[in-house]
Amino acid sequence: MSKVYGYVIKNEMPIVEFWTAEYDGKNINVDTNIDYGNSYLYFSKELLGFEKNGMIKLVSPIGIAEGDGYVILPPEYDTIKPLGRTIEIYENGKSEHKDFYKVSRNGKQGVVNAYNEIIIPISYDSVNCVDTNPYNERLNIKYYIICENEKYGIATTEGKVVYEPQYSKIHYNIPSPIENDHMTFDFDENIYSLPNRYIVGEIDDSFDVIDNKFEIVSSAYIRAEKQDGKIILKRV
């Protein structure tokens, strides 16, 4: 058992309330009379103090625990940010969700799940998730945009890099030029699907149009153009 220090965070904003607890490597024993609701407890083995703007910063590494003291991520990262989740919906009506966190170490970013398993290696300059569920922001992660040396690529929610960082910019959720763009359920992939939304990877003055299966669409059917700083798609 070792003594740790921490603070409460709600909606990604810290509440200035320190606490001390005992950490055994799996659980944190905190005052059970404190009601943190749906908060997270960020904790560190050492305490740094207050920043000038009133925000709290902890000495790295830090971890994250739920209000009941269960450790989600151990204290081994420089920063941690809850990203959202993926949702799988099955034909029998049952669903399953998985939570993910963006973490950093030594200036590099990656993604881990709630079991502290690495999904995206902690080796990129930045990692950001894209959610194509228009009804609930960041609820259903569809894929990740990874950045290395100011170039961007695409990785799936399972961590497979389908496009190495090569694009100067990636435009996502571009509406299809096909009429009646609509949201459907795609039970073959067990995910929410927006079949008529596309990703556009930009290299210099050329564009790759990528569909929801992460495949490049033939330019004989759809062409990407930039107009007034925006990307639009046209049927050929």
Foldseek 3Di string as FASTA:
>chain_A
DAKKKWFKDDPNATDPDMFIFDDDPFWTDGDLVDPNDAIKIKIDRAADAADPVRGGAGDAQIFIDGPVGGTQGHRHFRDKDWQAWAKFAAPVGDIDIWTKIWTEDPQFIFMATSNRHGQADRHFNDKHFDDPPPPDPRHHTAWIWTHHPQFIFIAGSNNRTLGDRDANDKDWQAFAPDPPQDWDDDNVVRGTDRQRIWMWGHDPQAIFTATSVRDTDDVQAKGWDADPNDIHIDGD
